[in-house]
Amino acid sequence: MTDWRKKTLDTYNKSAKELADYFVGIGARTEDIKRAFGYIKNTDQPNVLEIGCGDGRDAVEIATRTSNYIGTDPSEKMLDIARRKLPNAKFEVSGAVEYDFPEELDIIFAFASLLHLDKDEVKVVFDKAAKVLRPSGVFYISLKFKPEYTEEVKIDEFGERMFYFYTPELIKKLAGKQFETVYYDTQQVGSTDWFTIVLRKK
């Protein structure tokens, strides 16, 4: 049986520079980051965790709004690039499922990162997030969308990666009663449908 998590990680490590160059063309999610900070009550150096920060393209924007930032990613090579962009920021090599989340978080970002986890793994991440987010803290998520939960192997110039497609209904179910939805939107990038959902800790 193929270990798709390992194969996906190998792709990010082997093609880190090429992927980082590709992401430059997409740019940082400035409006999403601005929106997330607008939801929280702790506006003085809030505690922010970014799951799957990759090469740090969004970390650069987040770091303009707080000095209490931690970025995690399982790809060491992607984090090497992130550290060059933000040498004073804190980055840790870890997948979201294994990571020991810090306490008293105000915002958790997961931009296009939970899509490499299956629904059981995402449930683990939600349970961890619920324990460490402050009341009214937010979990800001973007995912690939299909009408039904499904998995798909993508083979391109970067290598092989496994993606999981979600629905907002499934994400709400996995998050459980510990969260409420405060924002939802859909996007289309190329031929791929995406959705953004913001969950607030009750």
Protein backbone atom coordinates (compact mmCIF):
# COMPACT_ATOMS: atom_id res chain seq x y z
CA MET A 1 0.00 0.00 0.00
CA THR A 2 1.38 3.40 -0.99
CA ASP A 3 2.30 5.73 1.86
CA TRP A 4 0.85 8.84 0.26
CA ARG A 5 1.69 11.12 3.13
CA LYS A 6 5.38 10.24 2.73
CA LYS A 7 5.21 10.46 -1.06
CA THR A 8 3.52 13.88 -0.86
CA LEU A 9 6.14 15.09 1.61
CA ASP A 10 8.93 13.81 -0.63
CA THR A 11 7.47 15.88 -3.48
CA TYR A 12 7.48 19.06 -1.38
CA ASN A 13 11.06 18.46 -0.28
CA LYS A 14 12.37 17.58 -3.75
CA SER A 15 10.54 20.43 -5.51
CA ALA A 16 10.65 23.06 -2.75
CA LYS A 17 12.30 25.80 -4.82
CA GLU A 18 10.09 25.17 -7.86
CA LEU A 19 6.93 25.18 -5.76
CA ALA A 20 8.01 28.33 -3.92
CA ASP A 21 8.60 30.05 -7.27
CA TYR A 22 5.13 28.94 -8.38
CA PHE A 23 3.52 30.28 -5.19
CA VAL A 24 5.11 33.70 -5.78
CA GLY A 25 2.80 34.05 -8.74
CA ILE A 26 -0.22 33.43 -6.50
CA GLY A 27 0.89 35.84 -3.77
CA ALA A 28 0.00 36.11 -0.11
CA ARG A 29 -3.60 35.85 1.09
CA THR A 30 -3.62 39.43 2.36
CA GLU A 31 -7.39 39.88 2.52
CA ASP A 32 -7.90 36.56 4.32
CA ILE A 33 -5.25 37.43 6.89
CA LYS A 34 -6.72 40.88 7.43
CA ARG A 35 -10.18 39.34 7.89
CA ALA A 36 -8.91 36.80 10.42
CA PHE A 37 -7.32 39.44 12.62
CA GLY A 38 -10.56 41.40 12.50
CA TYR A 39 -12.41 38.59 14.26
CA ILE A 40 -10.32 38.39 17.40
CA LYS A 41 -10.52 40.33 20.64
CA ASN A 42 -6.83 40.15 21.53
CA THR A 43 -5.47 42.80 19.18
CA ASP A 44 -2.19 43.39 21.04
CA GLN A 45 0.31 40.87 19.64
CA PRO A 46 -2.10 37.94 19.31
CA ASN A 47 -0.80 34.37 19.34
CA VAL A 48 -0.93 32.89 15.85
CA LEU A 49 -0.20 29.39 14.56
CA GLU A 50 -0.01 28.59 10.86
CA ILE A 51 -0.37 24.92 9.96
CA GLY A 52 1.39 24.01 6.73
CA CYS A 53 3.13 27.36 6.30
CA GLY A 54 5.27 26.03 3.44
CA ASP A 55 7.73 28.55 2.06
CA GLY A 56 6.39 31.35 4.29
CA ARG A 57 4.55 33.39 1.67
CA ASP A 58 1.65 34.04 4.06
CA ALA A 59 3.89 34.17 7.12
CA VAL A 60 5.47 37.35 5.75
CA GLU A 61 2.06 39.03 5.77
CA ILE A 62 1.00 37.58 9.13
CA ALA A 63 4.24 38.73 10.77
CA THR A 64 3.39 42.37 9.97
CA ARG A 65 0.46 42.04 12.38
CA THR A 66 2.01 40.15 15.30
CA SER A 67 5.38 39.07 16.63
CA ASN A 68 3.82 35.98 18.26
CA TYR A 69 3.80 33.76 15.20
CA ILE A 70 4.67 30.07 14.84
CA GLY A 71 4.70 28.33 11.47
CA THR A 72 4.74 24.55 11.14
CA ASP A 73 5.26 22.35 8.11
CA PRO A 74 6.45 18.76 7.64
CA SER A 75 8.73 19.79 4.76
CA GLU A 76 12.19 20.79 5.95
CA LYS A 77 13.12 22.14 2.52
CA MET A 78 10.08 24.41 2.37
CA LEU A 79 10.86 25.70 5.85
CA ASP A 80 14.44 26.45 4.80
CA ILE A 81 12.97 28.92 2.31
CA ALA A 82 10.57 30.34 4.92
CA ARG A 83 13.44 30.93 7.36
CA ARG A 84 15.35 32.89 4.76
CA LYS A 85 12.33 35.15 4.28
CA LEU A 86 11.70 35.58 8.02
CA PRO A 87 14.88 34.77 9.95
CA ASN A 88 13.43 36.02 13.23
CA ALA A 89 10.19 34.05 13.04
CA LYS A 90 9.64 30.70 14.73
CA PHE A 91 9.25 27.72 12.41
CA GLU A 92 8.95 24.07 13.43
CA VAL A 93 9.19 20.93 11.31
CA SER A 94 6.04 18.94 12.03
CA GLY A 95 2.84 17.64 10.51
CA ALA A 96 -0.42 18.92 11.95
CA VAL A 97 -1.47 15.57 13.40
CA GLU A 98 1.77 15.05 15.33
CA TYR A 99 2.30 18.66 16.38
CA ASP A 100 2.00 19.64 20.04
CA PHE A 101 -0.13 22.78 19.72
CA PRO A 102 0.84 25.69 22.00
CA GLU A 103 -1.70 27.04 24.48
CA GLU A 104 -3.71 30.27 24.35
CA LEU A 105 -3.90 30.70 20.61
CA ASP A 106 -5.96 33.49 19.06
CA ILE A 107 -5.78 32.41 15.41
CA ILE A 108 -4.93 29.18 13.62
CA PHE A 109 -4.42 29.40 9.87
CA ALA A 110 -4.58 26.35 7.61
CA PHE A 111 -4.28 27.67 4.07
CA ALA A 112 -4.39 24.76 1.60
CA SER A 113 -2.74 22.42 4.09
CA LEU A 114 -5.46 20.24 5.65
CA LEU A 115 -6.18 19.06 2.12
CA HIS A 116 -3.26 16.64 2.48
CA LEU A 117 -4.97 14.99 5.48
CA ASP A 118 -7.84 12.51 5.43
CA LYS A 119 -10.99 13.18 7.42
CA ASP A 120 -9.88 11.15 10.46
CA GLU A 121 -6.66 13.15 10.64
CA VAL A 122 -8.55 16.44 10.22
CA LYS A 123 -10.79 15.43 13.14
CA VAL A 124 -7.66 15.01 15.28
CA VAL A 125 -6.50 18.50 14.29
CA PHE A 126 -9.88 20.02 15.20
CA ASP A 127 -9.84 18.35 18.61
CA LYS A 128 -6.35 19.72 19.26
CA ALA A 129 -7.35 23.19 18.09
CA ALA A 130 -10.40 23.25 20.32
CA LYS A 131 -8.23 22.65 23.38
CA VAL A 132 -5.78 25.48 22.72
CA LEU A 133 -7.78 28.26 21.09
CA ARG A 134 -8.95 30.99 23.40
CA PRO A 135 -12.72 31.59 23.58
CA SER A 136 -13.68 33.45 20.39
CA GLY A 137 -10.38 32.46 18.77
CA VAL A 138 -10.66 31.51 15.11
CA PHE A 139 -9.57 28.65 12.88
CA TYR A 140 -9.18 29.99 9.32
CA ILE A 141 -9.23 27.24 6.69
CA SER A 142 -9.08 26.95 2.89
CA LEU A 143 -9.71 23.63 1.15
CA LYS A 144 -10.38 22.11 -2.24
CA PHE A 145 -14.07 21.44 -2.81
CA LYS A 146 -16.03 18.66 -4.44
CA PRO A 147 -19.69 17.76 -3.84
CA GLU A 148 -18.54 14.64 -1.98
CA TYR A 149 -15.48 13.88 0.16
CA THR A 150 -12.94 12.21 -2.08
CA GLU A 151 -9.22 11.66 -2.55
CA GLU A 152 -7.20 12.27 -5.66
CA VAL A 153 -3.59 11.71 -6.61
CA LYS A 154 -2.12 14.60 -8.57
CA ILE A 155 0.92 14.00 -10.77
CA ASP A 156 2.51 17.09 -12.28
CA GLU A 157 5.91 18.65 -12.92
CA PHE A 158 6.54 18.86 -9.17
CA GLY A 159 5.92 15.16 -8.44
CA GLU A 160 3.13 13.09 -6.90
CA ARG A 161 0.80 14.41 -4.18
CA MET A 162 -2.36 13.17 -2.52
CA PHE A 163 -5.18 15.66 -2.12
CA TYR A 164 -8.42 15.24 -0.16
CA PHE A 165 -11.46 17.20 -1.30
CA TYR A 166 -13.98 18.33 1.31
CA THR A 167 -17.41 19.88 1.63
CA PRO A 168 -18.18 22.65 4.14
CA GLU A 169 -20.81 20.38 5.70
CA LEU A 170 -18.21 17.70 6.42
CA ILE A 171 -15.79 20.25 7.87
CA LYS A 172 -18.49 21.57 10.22
CA LYS A 173 -19.30 18.00 11.27
CA LEU A 174 -15.64 17.19 11.95
CA ALA A 175 -15.18 20.43 13.89
CA GLY A 176 -18.16 19.59 16.08
CA LYS A 177 -20.16 21.67 18.52
CA GLN A 178 -17.01 23.30 19.94
CA PHE A 179 -16.95 25.64 16.92
CA GLU A 180 -19.37 27.94 15.13
CA THR A 181 -19.06 29.14 11.52
CA VAL A 182 -18.54 32.90 11.18
CA TYR A 183 -17.51 33.12 7.52
CA TYR A 184 -17.83 31.07 4.37
CA ASP A 185 -16.95 31.74 0.74
CA THR A 186 -16.20 29.83 -2.46
CA GLN A 187 -13.54 30.45 -5.07
CA GLN A 188 -12.45 28.99 -8.37
CA VAL A 189 -8.76 28.84 -9.21
CA GLY A 190 -8.20 27.55 -12.70
CA SER A 191 -10.38 24.46 -12.97
CA THR A 192 -10.37 23.77 -9.22
CA ASP A 193 -13.13 24.78 -6.83
CA TRP A 194 -12.11 25.95 -3.36
CA PHE A 195 -13.87 27.11 -0.23
CA THR A 196 -12.83 29.21 2.71
CA ILE A 197 -14.41 28.66 6.11
CA VAL A 198 -13.74 30.43 9.39
CA LEU A 199 -14.66 28.63 12.60
CA ARG A 200 -14.80 30.38 15.95
CA LYS A 201 -14.22 28.63 19.25
CA LYS A 202 -17.30 28.82 21.44
